[in-house]
Structure formats: structure tokens, C-alpha cells
């Protein structure tokens, strides 16, 4: 399985709301992301669903600045939907 296909598979989570945001994000941005951005996105996908949803819904902030930047992009997808 190709690396992008693995990432797409990992975007399928247990929370419907999170699934929807990640689906739109990966469909709109995954192909154009740099290798460093893909590595950060993969790290983000290692997080627990509840923590990730708290970040995307702005209930909490990630402590890692790289993840924080990516979370901001996810938030913009959430608000555009």
C-alpha cells in the first residue's frame, strides 16, 4: 500500500465529526503536502481521537507548535464545511 493510501486509511477514525473533517482535509490537501507536512500529519494521526477532536473543535491546544499549525488548518476545514 502506498504511503498516501495508508494515511487516507488512518483518517478513518471512530468519531463521525472527526472523520468528516479529516475526509475533507485529506481530499483537499493530502496530494499537495510536502514530505515534512505529511510527517507532521502522520504524527497528528497518532493522537487519540478525543484529544484530536478537542484540538479541532478548539476546546484544547496541542503543545507541539508543528501540530498546532496543522490543527489550525483542520479548523479552517471544519468551519468551511
C-alpha atoms as a PDB file:
ATOM      1  CA  UNK A   1       0.000   0.000   0.000  1.00  0.00           C
ATOM      2  CA  UNK A   2       1.339   3.416  -0.951  1.00  0.00           C
ATOM      3  CA  UNK A   3       2.175   5.927   1.775  1.00  0.00           C
ATOM      4  CA  UNK A   4      -0.702   8.281   0.883  1.00  0.00           C
ATOM      5  CA  UNK A   5      -3.134   5.363   0.854  1.00  0.00           C
ATOM      6  CA  UNK A   6      -2.006   4.410   4.364  1.00  0.00           C
ATOM      7  CA  UNK A   7      -2.548   7.980   5.528  1.00  0.00           C
ATOM      8  CA  UNK A   8      -6.011   8.037   3.938  1.00  0.00           C
ATOM      9  CA  UNK A   9      -6.850   4.803   5.756  1.00  0.00           C
ATOM     10  CA  UNK A  10      -5.676   6.283   9.064  1.00  0.00           C
ATOM     11  CA  UNK A  11      -8.030   9.254   8.537  1.00  0.00           C
ATOM     12  CA  UNK A  12     -10.951   6.885   9.147  1.00  0.00           C
ATOM     13  CA  UNK A  13     -11.482   7.291  12.877  1.00  0.00           C
ATOM     14  CA  UNK A  14     -14.063   6.405  15.495  1.00  0.00           C
ATOM     15  CA  UNK A  15     -15.717   9.814  15.795  1.00  0.00           C
ATOM     16  CA  UNK A  16     -18.030  10.821  12.955  1.00  0.00           C
ATOM     17  CA  UNK A  17     -17.271  14.523  13.355  1.00  0.00           C
ATOM     18  CA  UNK A  18     -13.546  13.866  13.190  1.00  0.00           C
ATOM     19  CA  UNK A  19     -13.988  11.538  10.215  1.00  0.00           C
ATOM     20  CA  UNK A  20     -15.772  14.288   8.307  1.00  0.00           C
ATOM     21  CA  UNK A  21     -13.087  16.903   8.966  1.00  0.00           C
ATOM     22  CA  UNK A  22     -10.238  14.532   8.147  1.00  0.00           C
ATOM     23  CA  UNK A  23     -12.000  13.306   4.988  1.00  0.00           C
ATOM     24  CA  UNK A  24     -12.358  16.834   3.610  1.00  0.00           C
ATOM     25  CA  UNK A  25      -8.837  17.797   4.689  1.00  0.00           C
ATOM     26  CA  UNK A  26      -7.146  14.806   3.134  1.00  0.00           C
ATOM     27  CA  UNK A  27      -9.186  15.111  -0.065  1.00  0.00           C
ATOM     28  CA  UNK A  28      -8.279  18.815  -0.455  1.00  0.00           C
ATOM     29  CA  UNK A  29      -4.694  18.886   0.856  1.00  0.00           C
ATOM     30  CA  UNK A  30      -3.013  15.492   1.057  1.00  0.00           C
ATOM     31  CA  UNK A  31      -1.681  15.361  -2.521  1.00  0.00           C
ATOM     32  CA  UNK A  32      -0.051  18.800  -2.253  1.00  0.00           C
ATOM     33  CA  UNK A  33       1.577  18.394   1.167  1.00  0.00           C
ATOM     34  CA  UNK A  34       5.365  18.402   1.450  1.00  0.00           C
ATOM     35  CA  UNK A  35       7.159  15.400   2.965  1.00  0.00           C
ATOM     36  CA  UNK A  36       7.606  17.356   6.228  1.00  0.00           C
ATOM     37  CA  UNK A  37       3.898  18.235   6.321  1.00  0.00           C
ATOM     38  CA  UNK A  38       2.993  14.598   5.673  1.00  0.00           C
ATOM     39  CA  UNK A  39       5.257  13.518   8.536  1.00  0.00           C
ATOM     40  CA  UNK A  40       3.553  16.031  10.843  1.00  0.00           C
ATOM     41  CA  UNK A  41       0.119  14.892   9.676  1.00  0.00           C
ATOM     42  CA  UNK A  42       1.102  11.278  10.365  1.00  0.00           C
ATOM     43  CA  UNK A  43       2.193  12.297  13.888  1.00  0.00           C
ATOM     44  CA  UNK A  44      -1.134  14.058  14.344  1.00  0.00           C
ATOM     45  CA  UNK A  45      -2.957  10.861  13.372  1.00  0.00           C
ATOM     46  CA  UNK A  46      -1.089   9.053  16.178  1.00  0.00           C
ATOM     47  CA  UNK A  47      -3.079  11.088  18.717  1.00  0.00           C
ATOM     48  CA  UNK A  48      -6.168   9.723  20.441  1.00  0.00           C
ATOM     49  CA  UNK A  49      -9.473  10.586  18.796  1.00  0.00           C
ATOM     50  CA  UNK A  50     -10.769  12.525  21.792  1.00  0.00           C
ATOM     51  CA  UNK A  51      -7.617  14.638  22.061  1.00  0.00           C
ATOM     52  CA  UNK A  52      -7.605  15.307  18.343  1.00  0.00           C
ATOM     53  CA  UNK A  53     -11.279  16.307  18.361  1.00  0.00           C
ATOM     54  CA  UNK A  54     -10.676  18.626  21.324  1.00  0.00           C
ATOM     55  CA  UNK A  55      -7.961  20.348  19.294  1.00  0.00           C
ATOM     56  CA  UNK A  56     -10.015  20.585  16.104  1.00  0.00           C
ATOM     57  CA  UNK A  57     -13.033  21.905  17.993  1.00  0.00           C
ATOM     58  CA  UNK A  58     -10.807  24.451  19.834  1.00  0.00           C
ATOM     59  CA  UNK A  59     -11.517  23.016  23.290  1.00  0.00           C
ATOM     60  CA  UNK A  60      -7.777  22.478  23.775  1.00  0.00           C
ATOM     61  CA  UNK A  61      -4.479  23.281  22.073  1.00  0.00           C
ATOM     62  CA  UNK A  62      -1.642  20.900  21.217  1.00  0.00           C
ATOM     63  CA  UNK A  63       1.631  21.686  22.977  1.00  0.00           C
ATOM     64  CA  UNK A  64       3.708  20.922  19.865  1.00  0.00           C
ATOM     65  CA  UNK A  65       3.900  24.026  17.608  1.00  0.00           C
ATOM     66  CA  UNK A  66       4.075  21.910  14.444  1.00  0.00           C
ATOM     67  CA  UNK A  67       0.885  20.113  15.385  1.00  0.00           C
ATOM     68  CA  UNK A  68      -0.709  23.423  16.359  1.00  0.00           C
ATOM     69  CA  UNK A  69      -0.184  24.782  12.855  1.00  0.00           C
ATOM     70  CA  UNK A  70      -1.753  21.731  11.300  1.00  0.00           C
ATOM     71  CA  UNK A  71      -4.664  21.859  13.745  1.00  0.00           C
ATOM     72  CA  UNK A  72      -5.322  25.436  12.583  1.00  0.00           C
ATOM     73  CA  UNK A  73      -5.622  24.133   9.020  1.00  0.00           C
ATOM     74  CA  UNK A  74      -8.012  21.412  10.187  1.00  0.00           C
ATOM     75  CA  UNK A  75     -10.104  24.016  11.991  1.00  0.00           C
ATOM     76  CA  UNK A  76     -10.447  26.032   8.799  1.00  0.00           C
ATOM     77  CA  UNK A  77     -11.729  22.923   7.018  1.00  0.00           C
ATOM     78  CA  UNK A  78     -14.217  22.322   9.835  1.00  0.00           C
ATOM     79  CA  UNK A  79     -15.581  25.851   9.626  1.00  0.00           C
ATOM     80  CA  UNK A  80     -15.777  25.805   5.838  1.00  0.00           C
ATOM     81  CA  UNK A  81     -17.924  22.661   5.840  1.00  0.00           C
END
